[in-house]
PDB file of N, CA and C in Angstrom:
ATOM      1  N   UNK A   1    -186.142 -89.376 -25.674  1.00  0.00           N
ATOM      2  CA  UNK A   1    -185.311 -88.999 -24.545  1.00  0.00           C
ATOM      3  C   UNK A   1    -186.008 -89.323 -23.220  1.00  0.00           C
ATOM      4  N   UNK A   2    -187.314 -89.015 -23.139  1.00  0.00           N
ATOM      5  CA  UNK A   2    -188.053 -89.290 -21.913  1.00  0.00           C
ATOM      6  C   UNK A   2    -188.110 -90.787 -21.638  1.00  0.00           C
ATOM      7  N   UNK A   3    -188.210 -91.567 -22.688  1.00  0.00           N
ATOM      8  CA  UNK A   3    -188.297 -93.018 -22.533  1.00  0.00           C
ATOM      9  C   UNK A   3    -187.002 -93.563 -21.928  1.00  0.00           C
ATOM     10  N   UNK A   4    -185.868 -93.052 -22.357  1.00  0.00           N
ATOM     11  CA  UNK A   4    -184.580 -93.495 -21.815  1.00  0.00           C
ATOM     12  C   UNK A   4    -184.450 -93.123 -20.343  1.00  0.00           C
ATOM     13  N   UNK A   5    -184.925 -91.944 -20.001  1.00  0.00           N
ATOM     14  CA  UNK A   5    -184.862 -91.502 -18.602  1.00  0.00           C
ATOM     15  C   UNK A   5    -185.745 -92.392 -17.731  1.00  0.00           C
ATOM     16  N   UNK A   6    -186.952 -92.732 -18.242  1.00  0.00           N
ATOM     17  CA  UNK A   6    -187.852 -93.608 -17.491  1.00  0.00           C
ATOM     18  C   UNK A   6    -187.225 -94.992 -17.302  1.00  0.00           C
ATOM     19  N   UNK A   7    -186.596 -95.523 -18.344  1.00  0.00           N
ATOM     20  CA  UNK A   7    -185.960 -96.830 -18.247  1.00  0.00           C
ATOM     21  C   UNK A   7    -184.813 -96.801 -17.241  1.00  0.00           C
ATOM     22  N   UNK A   8    -184.027 -95.731 -17.295  1.00  0.00           N
ATOM     23  CA  UNK A   8    -182.908 -95.598 -16.354  1.00  0.00           C
ATOM     24  C   UNK A   8    -183.422 -95.489 -14.924  1.00  0.00           C
ATOM     25  N   UNK A   9    -184.469 -94.699 -14.725  1.00  0.00           N
ATOM     26  CA  UNK A   9    -185.057 -94.561 -13.390  1.00  0.00           C
ATOM     27  C   UNK A   9    -185.608 -95.902 -12.905  1.00  0.00           C
ATOM     28  N   UNK A  10    -186.262 -96.639 -13.779  1.00  0.00           N
ATOM     29  CA  UNK A  10    -186.816 -97.942 -13.423  1.00  0.00           C
ATOM     30  C   UNK A  10    -185.707 -98.912 -13.020  1.00  0.00           C
ATOM     31  N   UNK A  11    -184.613 -98.907 -13.766  1.00  0.00           N
ATOM     32  CA  UNK A  11    -183.495 -99.814 -13.443  1.00  0.00           C
ATOM     33  C   UNK A  11    -182.902 -99.466 -12.080  1.00  0.00           C
ATOM     34  N   UNK A  12    -182.732 -98.184 -11.789  1.00  0.00           N
ATOM     35  CA  UNK A  12    -182.194 -97.772 -10.494  1.00  0.00           C
ATOM     36  C   UNK A  12    -183.151 -98.129  -9.371  1.00  0.00           C
ATOM     37  N   UNK A  13    -184.427 -98.002  -9.641  1.00  0.00           N
ATOM     38  CA  UNK A  13    -185.439 -98.319  -8.642  1.00  0.00           C
ATOM     39  C   UNK A  13    -185.406 -99.812  -8.309  1.00  0.00           C
ATOM     40  N   UNK A  14    -185.330-100.643  -9.327  1.00  0.00           N
ATOM     41  CA  UNK A  14    -185.289-102.089  -9.116  1.00  0.00           C
ATOM     42  C   UNK A  14    -184.006-102.489  -8.393  1.00  0.00           C
ATOM     43  N   UNK A  15    -182.884-101.954  -8.797  1.00  0.00           N
ATOM     44  CA  UNK A  15    -181.616-102.293  -8.147  1.00  0.00           C
ATOM     45  C   UNK A  15    -181.598-101.836  -6.689  1.00  0.00           C
ATOM     46  N   UNK A  16    -182.147-100.659  -6.415  1.00  0.00           N
ATOM     47  CA  UNK A  16    -182.153-100.188  -5.031  1.00  0.00           C
ATOM     48  C   UNK A  16    -183.079-101.043  -4.166  1.00  0.00           C
ATOM     49  N   UNK A  17    -184.209-101.484  -4.700  1.00  0.00           N
ATOM     50  CA  UNK A  17    -185.092-102.371  -3.948  1.00  0.00           C
ATOM     51  C   UNK A  17    -184.439-103.725  -3.684  1.00  0.00           C
ATOM     52  N   UNK A  18    -183.737-104.249  -4.675  1.00  0.00           N
ATOM     53  CA  UNK A  18    -183.028-105.518  -4.476  1.00  0.00           C
ATOM     54  C   UNK A  18    -181.939-105.375  -3.422  1.00  0.00           C
ATOM     55  N   UNK A  19    -181.203-104.292  -3.487  1.00  0.00           N
ATOM     56  CA  UNK A  19    -180.161-104.050  -2.490  1.00  0.00           C
ATOM     57  C   UNK A  19    -180.755-103.907  -1.099  1.00  0.00           C
ATOM     58  N   UNK A  20    -181.847-103.189  -0.984  1.00  0.00           N
ATOM     59  CA  UNK A  20    -182.523-103.036   0.304  1.00  0.00           C
ATOM     60  C   UNK A  20    -182.985-104.403   0.827  1.00  0.00           C
ATOM     61  N   UNK A  21    -183.540-105.230  -0.044  1.00  0.00           N
ATOM     62  CA  UNK A  21    -183.993-106.560   0.370  1.00  0.00           C
ATOM     63  C   UNK A  21    -182.852-107.429   0.856  1.00  0.00           C
ATOM     64  N   UNK A  22    -181.737-107.392   0.151  1.00  0.00           N
ATOM     65  CA  UNK A  22    -180.567-108.190   0.547  1.00  0.00           C
ATOM     66  C   UNK A  22    -180.039-107.726   1.895  1.00  0.00           C
ATOM     67  N   UNK A  23    -179.957-106.421   2.086  1.00  0.00           N
ATOM     68  CA  UNK A  23    -179.477-105.879   3.367  1.00  0.00           C
ATOM     69  C   UNK A  23    -180.439-106.258   4.491  1.00  0.00           C
ATOM     70  N   UNK A  24    -181.730-106.193   4.231  1.00  0.00           N
ATOM     71  CA  UNK A  24    -182.727-106.536   5.236  1.00  0.00           C
ATOM     72  C   UNK A  24    -182.630-108.007   5.635  1.00  0.00           C
ATOM     73  N   UNK A  25    -182.501-108.884   4.661  1.00  0.00           N
ATOM     74  CA  UNK A  25    -182.420-110.321   4.946  1.00  0.00           C
ATOM     75  C   UNK A  25    -181.146-110.652   5.713  1.00  0.00           C
ATOM     76  N   UNK A  26    -180.024-110.121   5.295  1.00  0.00           N
ATOM     77  CA  UNK A  26    -178.773-110.433   5.986  1.00  0.00           C
ATOM     78  C   UNK A  26    -178.736-109.811   7.376  1.00  0.00           C
ATOM     79  N   UNK A  27    -179.326-108.644   7.540  1.00  0.00           N
ATOM     80  CA  UNK A  27    -179.360-108.008   8.854  1.00  0.00           C
ATOM     81  C   UNK A  27    -180.234-108.767   9.836  1.00  0.00           C
ATOM     82  N   UNK A  28    -181.380-109.234   9.381  1.00  0.00           N
ATOM     83  CA  UNK A  28    -182.290-109.960  10.265  1.00  0.00           C
ATOM     84  C   UNK A  28    -181.767-111.354  10.595  1.00  0.00           C
ATOM     85  N   UNK A  29    -181.061-111.976   9.687  1.00  0.00           N
ATOM     86  CA  UNK A  29    -180.554-113.315   9.967  1.00  0.00           C
ATOM     87  C   UNK A  29    -179.385-113.273  10.945  1.00  0.00           C
ATOM     88  N   UNK A  30    -178.673-112.173  11.025  1.00  0.00           N
ATOM     89  CA  UNK A  30    -177.559-112.052  11.951  1.00  0.00           C
ATOM     90  C   UNK A  30    -178.001-111.855  13.387  1.00  0.00           C
ATOM     91  N   UNK A  31    -179.218-111.367  13.590  1.00  0.00           N
ATOM     92  CA  UNK A  31    -179.718-111.118  14.941  1.00  0.00           C
ATOM     93  C   UNK A  31    -179.903-112.426  15.693  1.00  0.00           C
ATOM     94  N   UNK A  32    -180.352-113.451  15.036  1.00  0.00           N
ATOM     95  CA  UNK A  32    -180.589-114.731  15.702  1.00  0.00           C
ATOM     96  C   UNK A  32    -179.306-115.307  16.272  1.00  0.00           C
ATOM     97  N   UNK A  33    -178.223-115.187  15.546  1.00  0.00           N
ATOM     98  CA  UNK A  33    -176.979-115.760  16.028  1.00  0.00           C
ATOM     99  C   UNK A  33    -176.424-114.989  17.221  1.00  0.00           C
ATOM    100  N   UNK A  34    -176.729-113.700  17.321  1.00  0.00           N
ATOM    101  CA  UNK A  34    -176.264-112.918  18.460  1.00  0.00           C
ATOM    102  C   UNK A  34    -177.060-113.229  19.723  1.00  0.00           C
ATOM    103  N   UNK A  35    -178.350-113.482  19.568  1.00  0.00           N
ATOM    104  CA  UNK A  35    -179.206-113.719  20.719  1.00  0.00           C
ATOM    105  C   UNK A  35    -179.220-115.182  21.158  1.00  0.00           C
ATOM    106  N   UNK A  36    -178.665-116.060  20.379  1.00  0.00           N
ATOM    107  CA  UNK A  36    -178.697-117.478  20.719  1.00  0.00           C
ATOM    108  C   UNK A  36    -177.772-117.752  21.899  1.00  0.00           C
ATOM    109  N   UNK A  37    -178.349-118.300  22.932  1.00  0.00           N
ATOM    110  CA  UNK A  37    -177.561-118.629  24.123  1.00  0.00           C
ATOM    111  C   UNK A  37    -176.979-120.032  23.958  1.00  0.00           C
ATOM    112  N   UNK A  38    -175.813-120.271  24.503  1.00  0.00           N
ATOM    113  CA  UNK A  38    -175.269-121.619  24.418  1.00  0.00           C
ATOM    114  C   UNK A  38    -176.178-122.588  25.154  1.00  0.00           C
ATOM    115  N   UNK A  39    -176.383-123.748  24.552  1.00  0.00           N
ATOM    116  CA  UNK A  39    -177.310-124.717  25.120  1.00  0.00           C
ATOM    117  C   UNK A  39    -176.667-125.445  26.290  1.00  0.00           C
ATOM    118  N   UNK A  40    -177.410-125.569  27.342  1.00  0.00           N
ATOM    119  CA  UNK A  40    -176.936-126.237  28.538  1.00  0.00           C
ATOM    120  C   UNK A  40    -176.795-127.738  28.276  1.00  0.00           C
ATOM    121  N   UNK A  41    -175.795-128.345  28.879  1.00  0.00           N
ATOM    122  CA  UNK A  41    -175.551-129.779  28.706  1.00  0.00           C
ATOM    123  C   UNK A  41    -176.730-130.590  29.233  1.00  0.00           C
ATOM    124  N   UNK A  42    -177.342-130.118  30.304  1.00  0.00           N
ATOM    125  CA  UNK A  42    -178.478-130.840  30.880  1.00  0.00           C
ATOM    126  C   UNK A  42    -179.688-130.836  29.949  1.00  0.00           C
ATOM    127  N   UNK A  43    -179.889-129.742  29.234  1.00  0.00           N
ATOM    128  CA  UNK A  43    -181.014-129.663  28.298  1.00  0.00           C
ATOM    129  C   UNK A  43    -180.835-130.683  27.190  1.00  0.00           C
ATOM    130  N   UNK A  44    -179.625-130.821  26.688  1.00  0.00           N
ATOM    131  CA  UNK A  44    -179.345-131.803  25.654  1.00  0.00           C
ATOM    132  C   UNK A  44    -179.610-133.211  26.169  1.00  0.00           C
ATOM    133  N   UNK A  45    -179.210-133.491  27.392  1.00  0.00           N
ATOM    134  CA  UNK A  45    -179.428-134.812  27.980  1.00  0.00           C
ATOM    135  C   UNK A  45    -180.910-135.086  28.153  1.00  0.00           C
ATOM    136  N   UNK A  46    -181.648-134.113  28.660  1.00  0.00           N
ATOM    137  CA  UNK A  46    -183.085-134.291  28.859  1.00  0.00           C
ATOM    138  C   UNK A  46    -183.797-134.529  27.534  1.00  0.00           C
ATOM    139  N   UNK A  47    -183.413-133.782  26.503  1.00  0.00           N
ATOM    140  CA  UNK A  47    -184.033-133.968  25.188  1.00  0.00           C
ATOM    141  C   UNK A  47    -183.779-135.366  24.648  1.00  0.00           C
ATOM    142  N   UNK A  48    -182.558-135.858  24.801  1.00  0.00           N
ATOM    143  CA  UNK A  48    -182.264-137.198  24.284  1.00  0.00           C
ATOM    144  C   UNK A  48    -183.005-138.271  25.076  1.00  0.00           C
ATOM    145  N   UNK A  49    -183.141-138.091  26.397  1.00  0.00           N
ATOM    146  CA  UNK A  49    -183.890-139.059  27.210  1.00  0.00           C
ATOM    147  C   UNK A  49    -185.358-139.057  26.813  1.00  0.00           C
ATOM    148  N   UNK A  50    -185.938-137.877  26.639  1.00  0.00           N
ATOM    149  CA  UNK A  50    -187.341-137.803  26.241  1.00  0.00           C
ATOM    150  C   UNK A  50    -187.571-138.396  24.861  1.00  0.00           C
ATOM    151  N   UNK A  51    -186.644-138.183  23.964  1.00  0.00           N
ATOM    152  CA  UNK A  51    -186.775-138.745  22.625  1.00  0.00           C
ATOM    153  C   UNK A  51    -186.761-140.265  22.687  1.00  0.00           C
ATOM    154  N   UNK A  52    -185.855-140.830  23.448  1.00  0.00           N
ATOM    155  CA  UNK A  52    -185.782-142.286  23.593  1.00  0.00           C
ATOM    156  C   UNK A  52    -187.034-142.814  24.297  1.00  0.00           C
ATOM    157  N   UNK A  53    -187.524-142.077  25.266  1.00  0.00           N
ATOM    158  CA  UNK A  53    -188.677-142.532  26.057  1.00  0.00           C
ATOM    159  C   UNK A  53    -189.932-142.599  25.205  1.00  0.00           C
ATOM    160  N   UNK A  54    -190.137-141.588  24.358  1.00  0.00           N
ATOM    161  CA  UNK A  54    -191.379-141.530  23.599  1.00  0.00           C
ATOM    162  C   UNK A  54    -191.303-142.177  22.224  1.00  0.00           C
ATOM    163  N   UNK A  55    -190.135-142.318  21.666  1.00  0.00           N
ATOM    164  CA  UNK A  55    -190.040-142.942  20.350  1.00  0.00           C
ATOM    165  C   UNK A  55    -189.565-144.381  20.458  1.00  0.00           C
ATOM    166  N   UNK A  56    -188.853-144.713  21.485  1.00  0.00           N
ATOM    167  CA  UNK A  56    -188.361-146.072  21.647  1.00  0.00           C
ATOM    168  C   UNK A  56    -187.112-146.301  20.827  1.00  0.00           C
ATOM    169  N   UNK A  57    -186.428-147.365  21.126  1.00  0.00           N
ATOM    170  CA  UNK A  57    -185.212-147.673  20.370  1.00  0.00           C
ATOM    171  C   UNK A  57    -185.560-148.204  18.978  1.00  0.00           C
ATOM    172  N   UNK A  58    -185.214-147.472  17.981  1.00  0.00           N
ATOM    173  CA  UNK A  58    -185.553-147.844  16.607  1.00  0.00           C
ATOM    174  C   UNK A  58    -184.791-149.078  16.144  1.00  0.00           C
ATOM    175  N   UNK A  59    -183.583-149.240  16.617  1.00  0.00           N
ATOM    176  CA  UNK A  59    -182.792-150.397  16.201  1.00  0.00           C
ATOM    177  C   UNK A  59    -183.438-151.693  16.673  1.00  0.00           C
ATOM    178  N   UNK A  60    -183.953-151.718  17.872  1.00  0.00           N
ATOM    179  CA  UNK A  60    -184.589-152.903  18.427  1.00  0.00           C
ATOM    180  C   UNK A  60    -185.821-153.267  17.612  1.00  0.00           C
ATOM    181  N   UNK A  61    -186.620-152.278  17.263  1.00  0.00           N
ATOM    182  CA  UNK A  61    -187.838-152.522  16.493  1.00  0.00           C
ATOM    183  C   UNK A  61    -187.495-153.014  15.100  1.00  0.00           C
ATOM    184  N   UNK A  62    -186.535-152.392  14.457  1.00  0.00           N
ATOM    185  CA  UNK A  62    -186.204-152.783  13.093  1.00  0.00           C
ATOM    186  C   UNK A  62    -185.611-154.188  13.030  1.00  0.00           C
ATOM    187  N   UNK A  63    -184.848-154.595  14.055  1.00  0.00           N
ATOM    188  CA  UNK A  63    -184.299-155.959  14.029  1.00  0.00           C
ATOM    189  C   UNK A  63    -185.379-156.993  14.309  1.00  0.00           C
ATOM    190  N   UNK A  64    -186.352-156.671  15.130  1.00  0.00           N
ATOM    191  CA  UNK A  64    -187.454-157.599  15.420  1.00  0.00           C
ATOM    192  C   UNK A  64    -188.379-157.739  14.231  1.00  0.00           C
ATOM    193  N   UNK A  65    -188.589-156.657  13.500  1.00  0.00           N
ATOM    194  CA  UNK A  65    -189.479-156.694  12.334  1.00  0.00           C
ATOM    195  C   UNK A  65    -188.840-157.454  11.169  1.00  0.00           C
ATOM    196  N   UNK A  66    -187.515-157.450  11.094  1.00  0.00           N
ATOM    197  CA  UNK A  66    -186.822-158.106   9.990  1.00  0.00           C
ATOM    198  C   UNK A  66    -186.864-159.622  10.133  1.00  0.00           C
ATOM    199  N   UNK A  67    -187.009-160.125  11.345  1.00  0.00           N
ATOM    200  CA  UNK A  67    -186.990-161.580  11.564  1.00  0.00           C
ATOM    201  C   UNK A  67    -188.256-162.232  11.199  1.00  0.00           C
TER     202      UNK A  67
END
């Protein structure tokens, strides 16, 4: 009888920990979407200019290397 009670308690303990973990993960992941500010159009433009400036046009390099 004691063994069955221990097994039942263990199962409830594991299920409650799993439920707590799931609630914790979903709760923490929702915070990021609430705090995320819409990105400014200028920031997107600056990022694309900097990317082109420092990486260079990949299409130009790949066509020159193929010849």
